Protein backbone atom coordinates (compact mmCIF):
# COMPACT_ATOMS: atom_id res chain seq x y z
CA UNK A 1 0.00 0.00 0.00
CA UNK A 2 2.82 2.43 0.88
CA UNK A 3 4.42 1.82 -2.52
CA UNK A 4 1.16 2.70 -4.26
CA UNK A 5 0.52 5.74 -2.05
CA UNK A 6 3.87 7.41 -2.75
CA UNK A 7 3.06 8.45 -6.36
CA UNK A 8 -0.43 9.56 -5.29
CA UNK A 9 1.01 11.88 -2.66
CA UNK A 10 3.50 13.23 -5.21
CA UNK A 11 0.66 13.95 -7.65
CA UNK A 12 -1.35 15.63 -4.90
CA UNK A 13 1.59 17.89 -4.06
CA UNK A 14 2.09 18.79 -7.73
CA UNK A 15 -1.58 19.73 -8.07
CA UNK A 16 -1.53 21.78 -4.87
CA UNK A 17 1.54 23.65 -6.08
CA UNK A 18 -0.12 24.39 -9.45
CA UNK A 19 -3.48 25.50 -8.05
CA UNK A 20 -2.49 29.03 -6.94
CA UNK A 21 -1.41 29.87 -10.49
CA UNK A 22 -4.81 28.92 -11.90
CA UNK A 23 -6.92 32.06 -12.07
CA UNK A 24 -10.57 31.65 -11.10
CA UNK A 25 -12.76 33.57 -13.53
CA UNK A 26 -16.01 33.47 -11.58
CA UNK A 27 -17.42 32.82 -8.12
CA UNK A 28 -17.70 29.09 -8.82
CA UNK A 29 -13.96 28.92 -9.46
CA UNK A 30 -13.14 30.93 -6.37
CA UNK A 31 -15.29 28.73 -4.13
CA UNK A 32 -13.90 25.56 -5.73
CA UNK A 33 -10.34 26.68 -4.94
CA UNK A 34 -11.37 27.53 -1.39
CA UNK A 35 -12.97 24.08 -1.05
CA UNK A 36 -9.61 22.51 -1.89
CA UNK A 37 -7.87 24.74 0.63
CA UNK A 38 -10.38 23.76 3.30
CA UNK A 39 -9.89 20.05 2.60
CA UNK A 40 -6.15 20.51 3.02
CA UNK A 41 -6.65 22.55 6.19
CA UNK A 42 -8.96 19.91 7.73
CA UNK A 43 -5.91 17.81 8.48
CA UNK A 44 -3.90 20.69 9.94
CA UNK A 45 -6.56 22.70 11.80
CA UNK A 46 -4.15 25.52 12.64
CA UNK A 47 -4.98 29.13 13.42
CA UNK A 48 -7.81 30.47 11.36
CA UNK A 49 -9.24 27.05 10.53
CA UNK A 50 -12.58 27.59 12.30
CA UNK A 51 -12.99 31.02 10.71
CA UNK A 52 -12.16 29.64 7.26
CA UNK A 53 -14.55 26.71 7.76
CA UNK A 54 -17.41 28.99 8.84
CA UNK A 55 -16.78 31.38 5.96
CA UNK A 56 -16.82 28.50 3.48
CA UNK A 57 -20.20 27.43 4.81
CA UNK A 58 -21.46 30.96 4.26
CA UNK A 59 -20.16 30.93 0.69
CA UNK A 60 -21.80 27.56 0.04
CA UNK A 61 -25.19 28.94 1.08
CA UNK A 62 -24.82 32.51 -0.26
CA UNK A 63 -27.48 33.60 -2.73
CA UNK A 64 -27.36 36.07 -5.59
CA UNK A 65 -28.95 39.33 -4.47
CA UNK A 66 -30.61 39.76 -7.86
CA UNK A 67 -32.10 36.36 -8.65
CA UNK A 68 -31.84 34.42 -5.38
CA UNK A 69 -29.93 31.52 -6.94
CA UNK A 70 -27.16 29.85 -4.97
CA UNK A 71 -23.86 31.53 -5.79
CA UNK A 72 -22.08 28.17 -5.81
CA UNK A 73 -23.57 24.80 -6.64
CA UNK A 74 -21.52 21.62 -6.47
PDB file of N, CA and C in Angstrom:
ATOM      1  N   UNK A   1       0.835  -1.184   0.000  1.00  0.00           N
ATOM      2  CA  UNK A   1       0.000   0.000   0.000  1.00  0.00           C
ATOM      3  C   UNK A   1       0.884   1.253   0.000  1.00  0.00           C
ATOM      4  N   UNK A   2       1.930   1.261   0.828  1.00  0.00           N
ATOM      5  CA  UNK A   2       2.817   2.425   0.881  1.00  0.00           C
ATOM      6  C   UNK A   2       3.445   2.711  -0.475  1.00  0.00           C
ATOM      7  N   UNK A   3       3.815   1.660  -1.200  1.00  0.00           N
ATOM      8  CA  UNK A   3       4.424   1.823  -2.517  1.00  0.00           C
ATOM      9  C   UNK A   3       3.443   2.483  -3.486  1.00  0.00           C
ATOM     10  N   UNK A   4       2.177   2.132  -3.384  1.00  0.00           N
ATOM     11  CA  UNK A   4       1.159   2.700  -4.263  1.00  0.00           C
ATOM     12  C   UNK A   4       0.778   4.127  -3.837  1.00  0.00           C
ATOM     13  N   UNK A   5       0.895   4.418  -2.555  1.00  0.00           N
ATOM     14  CA  UNK A   5       0.515   5.743  -2.051  1.00  0.00           C
ATOM     15  C   UNK A   5       1.541   6.811  -2.416  1.00  0.00           C
ATOM     16  N   UNK A   6       2.807   6.440  -2.501  1.00  0.00           N
ATOM     17  CA  UNK A   6       3.866   7.413  -2.755  1.00  0.00           C
ATOM     18  C   UNK A   6       3.613   8.250  -4.014  1.00  0.00           C
ATOM     19  N   UNK A   7       3.320   7.624  -5.175  1.00  0.00           N
ATOM     20  CA  UNK A   7       3.057   8.452  -6.363  1.00  0.00           C
ATOM     21  C   UNK A   7       1.786   9.294  -6.235  1.00  0.00           C
ATOM     22  N   UNK A   8       0.802   8.795  -5.487  1.00  0.00           N
ATOM     23  CA  UNK A   8      -0.426   9.564  -5.290  1.00  0.00           C
ATOM     24  C   UNK A   8      -0.154  10.826  -4.481  1.00  0.00           C
ATOM     25  N   UNK A   9       0.659  10.707  -3.449  1.00  0.00           N
ATOM     26  CA  UNK A   9       1.013  11.877  -2.655  1.00  0.00           C
ATOM     27  C   UNK A   9       1.825  12.876  -3.496  1.00  0.00           C
ATOM     28  N   UNK A  10       2.710  12.358  -4.340  1.00  0.00           N
ATOM     29  CA  UNK A  10       3.503  13.233  -5.206  1.00  0.00           C
ATOM     30  C   UNK A  10       2.596  13.988  -6.174  1.00  0.00           C
ATOM     31  N   UNK A  11       1.600  13.292  -6.741  1.00  0.00           N
ATOM     32  CA  UNK A  11       0.663  13.947  -7.652  1.00  0.00           C
ATOM     33  C   UNK A  11      -0.161  14.997  -6.922  1.00  0.00           C
ATOM     34  N   UNK A  12      -0.584  14.678  -5.714  1.00  0.00           N
ATOM     35  CA  UNK A  12      -1.347  15.629  -4.903  1.00  0.00           C
ATOM     36  C   UNK A  12      -0.537  16.892  -4.662  1.00  0.00           C
ATOM     37  N   UNK A  13       0.731  16.738  -4.311  1.00  0.00           N
ATOM     38  CA  UNK A  13       1.594  17.890  -4.064  1.00  0.00           C
ATOM     39  C   UNK A  13       1.767  18.731  -5.324  1.00  0.00           C
ATOM     40  N   UNK A  14       1.929  18.070  -6.462  1.00  0.00           N
ATOM     41  CA  UNK A  14       2.093  18.794  -7.730  1.00  0.00           C
ATOM     42  C   UNK A  14       0.841  19.613  -8.036  1.00  0.00           C
ATOM     43  N   UNK A  15      -0.326  19.007  -7.828  1.00  0.00           N
ATOM     44  CA  UNK A  15      -1.581  19.728  -8.074  1.00  0.00           C
ATOM     45  C   UNK A  15      -1.743  20.904  -7.125  1.00  0.00           C
ATOM     46  N   UNK A  16      -1.409  20.688  -5.856  1.00  0.00           N
ATOM     47  CA  UNK A  16      -1.529  21.775  -4.874  1.00  0.00           C
ATOM     48  C   UNK A  16      -0.575  22.924  -5.185  1.00  0.00           C
ATOM     49  N   UNK A  17       0.594  22.607  -5.708  1.00  0.00           N
ATOM     50  CA  UNK A  17       1.543  23.654  -6.081  1.00  0.00           C
ATOM     51  C   UNK A  17       1.050  24.428  -7.303  1.00  0.00           C
ATOM     52  N   UNK A  18       0.364  23.756  -8.216  1.00  0.00           N
ATOM     53  CA  UNK A  18      -0.120  24.391  -9.448  1.00  0.00           C
ATOM     54  C   UNK A  18      -1.383  25.219  -9.224  1.00  0.00           C
ATOM     55  N   UNK A  19      -2.178  24.862  -8.246  1.00  0.00           N
ATOM     56  CA  UNK A  19      -3.480  25.498  -8.047  1.00  0.00           C
ATOM     57  C   UNK A  19      -3.432  27.022  -7.856  1.00  0.00           C
ATOM     58  N   UNK A  20      -2.502  27.577  -7.091  1.00  0.00           N
ATOM     59  CA  UNK A  20      -2.492  29.034  -6.935  1.00  0.00           C
ATOM     60  C   UNK A  20      -2.299  29.795  -8.249  1.00  0.00           C
ATOM     61  N   UNK A  21      -1.646  29.188  -9.212  1.00  0.00           N
ATOM     62  CA  UNK A  21      -1.409  29.866 -10.490  1.00  0.00           C
ATOM     63  C   UNK A  21      -2.634  29.845 -11.404  1.00  0.00           C
ATOM     64  N   UNK A  22      -3.593  29.004 -11.094  1.00  0.00           N
ATOM     65  CA  UNK A  22      -4.806  28.919 -11.897  1.00  0.00           C
ATOM     66  C   UNK A  22      -5.737  30.047 -11.451  1.00  0.00           C
ATOM     67  N   UNK A  23      -6.106  30.894 -12.392  1.00  0.00           N
ATOM     68  CA  UNK A  23      -6.922  32.062 -12.069  1.00  0.00           C
ATOM     69  C   UNK A  23      -8.412  31.720 -12.179  1.00  0.00           C
ATOM     70  N   UNK A  24      -9.120  31.849 -11.086  1.00  0.00           N
ATOM     71  CA  UNK A  24     -10.570  31.646 -11.104  1.00  0.00           C
ATOM     72  C   UNK A  24     -11.205  32.822 -11.843  1.00  0.00           C
ATOM     73  N   UNK A  25     -12.139  32.517 -12.730  1.00  0.00           N
ATOM     74  CA  UNK A  25     -12.763  33.568 -13.532  1.00  0.00           C
ATOM     75  C   UNK A  25     -14.169  33.916 -13.073  1.00  0.00           C
ATOM     76  N   UNK A  26     -14.685  33.165 -12.105  1.00  0.00           N
ATOM     77  CA  UNK A  26     -16.009  33.468 -11.575  1.00  0.00           C
ATOM     78  C   UNK A  26     -16.108  32.960 -10.149  1.00  0.00           C
ATOM     79  N   UNK A  27     -17.235  33.210  -9.514  1.00  0.00           N
ATOM     80  CA  UNK A  27     -17.422  32.822  -8.118  1.00  0.00           C
ATOM     81  C   UNK A  27     -17.327  31.309  -7.938  1.00  0.00           C
ATOM     82  N   UNK A  28     -17.782  30.552  -8.916  1.00  0.00           N
ATOM     83  CA  UNK A  28     -17.702  29.090  -8.818  1.00  0.00           C
ATOM     84  C   UNK A  28     -16.238  28.647  -8.706  1.00  0.00           C
ATOM     85  N   UNK A  29     -15.384  29.250  -9.510  1.00  0.00           N
ATOM     86  CA  UNK A  29     -13.965  28.918  -9.462  1.00  0.00           C
ATOM     87  C   UNK A  29     -13.316  29.306  -8.151  1.00  0.00           C
ATOM     88  N   UNK A  30     -13.683  30.467  -7.649  1.00  0.00           N
ATOM     89  CA  UNK A  30     -13.143  30.931  -6.365  1.00  0.00           C
ATOM     90  C   UNK A  30     -13.540  29.968  -5.248  1.00  0.00           C
ATOM     91  N   UNK A  31     -14.817  29.629  -5.193  1.00  0.00           N
ATOM     92  CA  UNK A  31     -15.294  28.729  -4.134  1.00  0.00           C
ATOM     93  C   UNK A  31     -14.672  27.346  -4.289  1.00  0.00           C
ATOM     94  N   UNK A  32     -14.507  26.878  -5.508  1.00  0.00           N
ATOM     95  CA  UNK A  32     -13.895  25.564  -5.726  1.00  0.00           C
ATOM     96  C   UNK A  32     -12.458  25.547  -5.199  1.00  0.00           C
ATOM     97  N   UNK A  33     -11.709  26.613  -5.459  1.00  0.00           N
ATOM     98  CA  UNK A  33     -10.342  26.679  -4.945  1.00  0.00           C
ATOM     99  C   UNK A  33     -10.339  26.733  -3.416  1.00  0.00           C
ATOM    100  N   UNK A  34     -11.274  27.464  -2.845  1.00  0.00           N
ATOM    101  CA  UNK A  34     -11.367  27.526  -1.385  1.00  0.00           C
ATOM    102  C   UNK A  34     -11.769  26.178  -0.795  1.00  0.00           C
ATOM    103  N   UNK A  35     -12.595  25.426  -1.506  1.00  0.00           N
ATOM    104  CA  UNK A  35     -12.974  24.078  -1.054  1.00  0.00           C
ATOM    105  C   UNK A  35     -11.735  23.192  -0.944  1.00  0.00           C
ATOM    106  N   UNK A  36     -10.850  23.291  -1.935  1.00  0.00           N
ATOM    107  CA  UNK A  36      -9.610  22.508  -1.895  1.00  0.00           C
ATOM    108  C   UNK A  36      -8.771  22.935  -0.704  1.00  0.00           C
ATOM    109  N   UNK A  37      -8.645  24.240  -0.510  1.00  0.00           N
ATOM    110  CA  UNK A  37      -7.868  24.745   0.627  1.00  0.00           C
ATOM    111  C   UNK A  37      -8.440  24.236   1.946  1.00  0.00           C
ATOM    112  N   UNK A  38      -9.752  24.238   2.066  1.00  0.00           N
ATOM    113  CA  UNK A  38     -10.384  23.762   3.296  1.00  0.00           C
ATOM    114  C   UNK A  38     -10.097  22.283   3.520  1.00  0.00           C
ATOM    115  N   UNK A  39     -10.163  21.495   2.461  1.00  0.00           N
ATOM    116  CA  UNK A  39      -9.891  20.053   2.603  1.00  0.00           C
ATOM    117  C   UNK A  39      -8.455  19.802   3.053  1.00  0.00           C
ATOM    118  N   UNK A  40      -7.529  20.631   2.577  1.00  0.00           N
ATOM    119  CA  UNK A  40      -6.148  20.508   3.022  1.00  0.00           C
ATOM    120  C   UNK A  40      -6.046  20.933   4.490  1.00  0.00           C
ATOM    121  N   UNK A  41      -6.714  22.015   4.838  1.00  0.00           N
ATOM    122  CA  UNK A  41      -6.654  22.548   6.194  1.00  0.00           C
ATOM    123  C   UNK A  41      -7.309  21.624   7.222  1.00  0.00           C
ATOM    124  N   UNK A  42      -8.258  20.808   6.803  1.00  0.00           N
ATOM    125  CA  UNK A  42      -8.959  19.913   7.727  1.00  0.00           C
ATOM    126  C   UNK A  42      -7.954  19.066   8.500  1.00  0.00           C
ATOM    127  N   UNK A  43      -6.896  18.676   7.837  1.00  0.00           N
ATOM    128  CA  UNK A  43      -5.909  17.809   8.482  1.00  0.00           C
ATOM    129  C   UNK A  43      -4.952  18.586   9.376  1.00  0.00           C
ATOM    130  N   UNK A  44      -4.840  19.893   9.161  1.00  0.00           N
ATOM    131  CA  UNK A  44      -3.900  20.694   9.939  1.00  0.00           C
ATOM    132  C   UNK A  44      -4.592  21.429  11.079  1.00  0.00           C
ATOM    133  N   UNK A  45      -5.754  21.980  10.821  1.00  0.00           N
ATOM    134  CA  UNK A  45      -6.561  22.703  11.799  1.00  0.00           C
ATOM    135  C   UNK A  45      -5.752  23.687  12.638  1.00  0.00           C
ATOM    136  N   UNK A  46      -4.936  24.485  11.958  1.00  0.00           N
ATOM    137  CA  UNK A  46      -4.154  25.517  12.636  1.00  0.00           C
ATOM    138  C   UNK A  46      -4.985  26.768  12.868  1.00  0.00           C
ATOM    139  N   UNK A  47      -4.303  27.857  13.183  1.00  0.00           N
ATOM    140  CA  UNK A  47      -4.977  29.133  13.417  1.00  0.00           C
ATOM    141  C   UNK A  47      -5.800  29.529  12.199  1.00  0.00           C
ATOM    142  N   UNK A  48      -6.951  30.014  12.446  1.00  0.00           N
ATOM    143  CA  UNK A  48      -7.814  30.469  11.364  1.00  0.00           C
ATOM    144  C   UNK A  48      -8.684  29.389  10.755  1.00  0.00           C
ATOM    145  N   UNK A  49      -8.477  28.145  11.132  1.00  0.00           N
ATOM    146  CA  UNK A  49      -9.239  27.050  10.533  1.00  0.00           C
ATOM    147  C   UNK A  49     -10.738  27.216  10.768  1.00  0.00           C
ATOM    148  N   UNK A  50     -11.150  27.475  11.996  1.00  0.00           N
ATOM    149  CA  UNK A  50     -12.580  27.590  12.299  1.00  0.00           C
ATOM    150  C   UNK A  50     -13.214  28.762  11.546  1.00  0.00           C
ATOM    151  N   UNK A  51     -12.490  29.869  11.455  1.00  0.00           N
ATOM    152  CA  UNK A  51     -12.985  31.022  10.707  1.00  0.00           C
ATOM    153  C   UNK A  51     -13.130  30.669   9.227  1.00  0.00           C
ATOM    154  N   UNK A  52     -12.126  30.032   8.669  1.00  0.00           N
ATOM    155  CA  UNK A  52     -12.159  29.638   7.263  1.00  0.00           C
ATOM    156  C   UNK A  52     -13.318  28.674   7.013  1.00  0.00           C
ATOM    157  N   UNK A  53     -13.478  27.709   7.891  1.00  0.00           N
ATOM    158  CA  UNK A  53     -14.547  26.714   7.762  1.00  0.00           C
ATOM    159  C   UNK A  53     -15.925  27.386   7.795  1.00  0.00           C
ATOM    160  N   UNK A  54     -16.134  28.295   8.730  1.00  0.00           N
ATOM    161  CA  UNK A  54     -17.415  28.991   8.844  1.00  0.00           C
ATOM    162  C   UNK A  54     -17.677  29.860   7.619  1.00  0.00           C
ATOM    163  N   UNK A  55     -16.641  30.528   7.133  1.00  0.00           N
ATOM    164  CA  UNK A  55     -16.782  31.380   5.960  1.00  0.00           C
ATOM    165  C   UNK A  55     -17.113  30.544   4.722  1.00  0.00           C
ATOM    166  N   UNK A  56     -16.510  29.380   4.603  1.00  0.00           N
ATOM    167  CA  UNK A  56     -16.820  28.496   3.477  1.00  0.00           C
ATOM    168  C   UNK A  56     -18.287  28.068   3.524  1.00  0.00           C
ATOM    169  N   UNK A  57     -18.789  27.804   4.702  1.00  0.00           N
ATOM    170  CA  UNK A  57     -20.201  27.428   4.813  1.00  0.00           C
ATOM    171  C   UNK A  57     -21.094  28.584   4.365  1.00  0.00           C
ATOM    172  N   UNK A  58     -20.705  29.794   4.712  1.00  0.00           N
ATOM    173  CA  UNK A  58     -21.462  30.961   4.263  1.00  0.00           C
ATOM    174  C   UNK A  58     -21.425  31.089   2.741  1.00  0.00           C
ATOM    175  N   UNK A  59     -20.265  30.862   2.150  1.00  0.00           N
ATOM    176  CA  UNK A  59     -20.157  30.926   0.688  1.00  0.00           C
ATOM    177  C   UNK A  59     -21.007  29.845   0.016  1.00  0.00           C
ATOM    178  N   UNK A  60     -21.019  28.658   0.613  1.00  0.00           N
ATOM    179  CA  UNK A  60     -21.801  27.557   0.039  1.00  0.00           C
ATOM    180  C   UNK A  60     -23.293  27.861   0.025  1.00  0.00           C
ATOM    181  N   UNK A  61     -23.753  28.668   0.967  1.00  0.00           N
ATOM    182  CA  UNK A  61     -25.186  28.943   1.078  1.00  0.00           C
ATOM    183  C   UNK A  61     -25.556  30.359   0.640  1.00  0.00           C
ATOM    184  N   UNK A  62     -24.558  31.136   0.183  1.00  0.00           N
ATOM    185  CA  UNK A  62     -24.821  32.511  -0.265  1.00  0.00           C
ATOM    186  C   UNK A  62     -25.698  32.506  -1.508  1.00  0.00           C
ATOM    187  N   UNK A  63     -26.561  33.492  -1.583  1.00  0.00           N
ATOM    188  CA  UNK A  63     -27.475  33.601  -2.731  1.00  0.00           C
ATOM    189  C   UNK A  63     -27.248  34.908  -3.466  1.00  0.00           C
ATOM    190  N   UNK A  64     -27.478  34.883  -4.753  1.00  0.00           N
ATOM    191  CA  UNK A  64     -27.359  36.067  -5.595  1.00  0.00           C
ATOM    192  C   UNK A  64     -28.396  37.088  -5.140  1.00  0.00           C
ATOM    193  N   UNK A  65     -27.987  38.336  -4.914  1.00  0.00           N
ATOM    194  CA  UNK A  65     -28.950  39.334  -4.468  1.00  0.00           C
ATOM    195  C   UNK A  65     -29.991  39.685  -5.532  1.00  0.00           C
ATOM    196  N   UNK A  66     -29.683  39.419  -6.785  1.00  0.00           N
ATOM    197  CA  UNK A  66     -30.614  39.756  -7.861  1.00  0.00           C
ATOM    198  C   UNK A  66     -31.649  38.674  -8.152  1.00  0.00           C
ATOM    199  N   UNK A  67     -31.171  37.424  -8.249  1.00  0.00           N
ATOM    200  CA  UNK A  67     -32.099  36.359  -8.645  1.00  0.00           C
ATOM    201  C   UNK A  67     -32.391  35.340  -7.552  1.00  0.00           C
ATOM    202  N   UNK A  68     -31.605  35.352  -6.476  1.00  0.00           N
ATOM    203  CA  UNK A  68     -31.838  34.422  -5.377  1.00  0.00           C
ATOM    204  C   UNK A  68     -31.224  33.041  -5.570  1.00  0.00           C
ATOM    205  N   UNK A  69     -30.558  32.816  -6.700  1.00  0.00           N
ATOM    206  CA  UNK A  69     -29.930  31.516  -6.942  1.00  0.00           C
ATOM    207  C   UNK A  69     -28.698  31.357  -6.055  1.00  0.00           C
ATOM    208  N   UNK A  70     -28.380  30.116  -5.723  1.00  0.00           N
ATOM    209  CA  UNK A  70     -27.159  29.855  -4.971  1.00  0.00           C
ATOM    210  C   UNK A  70     -25.978  30.362  -5.776  1.00  0.00           C
ATOM    211  N   UNK A  71     -25.038  31.017  -5.111  1.00  0.00           N
ATOM    212  CA  UNK A  71     -23.861  31.530  -5.789  1.00  0.00           C
ATOM    213  C   UNK A  71     -22.992  30.382  -6.260  1.00  0.00           C
ATOM    214  N   UNK A  72     -22.919  29.325  -5.479  1.00  0.00           N
ATOM    215  CA  UNK A  72     -22.081  28.175  -5.811  1.00  0.00           C
ATOM    216  C   UNK A  72     -22.896  26.906  -5.655  1.00  0.00           C
ATOM    217  N   UNK A  73     -22.878  26.099  -6.690  1.00  0.00           N
ATOM    218  CA  UNK A  73     -23.570  24.804  -6.637  1.00  0.00           C
ATOM    219  C   UNK A  73     -22.575  23.726  -7.023  1.00  0.00           C
ATOM    220  N   UNK A  74     -22.475  22.711  -6.194  1.00  0.00           N
ATOM    221  CA  UNK A  74     -21.522  21.620  -6.472  1.00  0.00           C
ATOM    222  C   UNK A  74     -21.994  20.793  -7.617  1.00  0.00           C
TER     223      UNK A  74
END
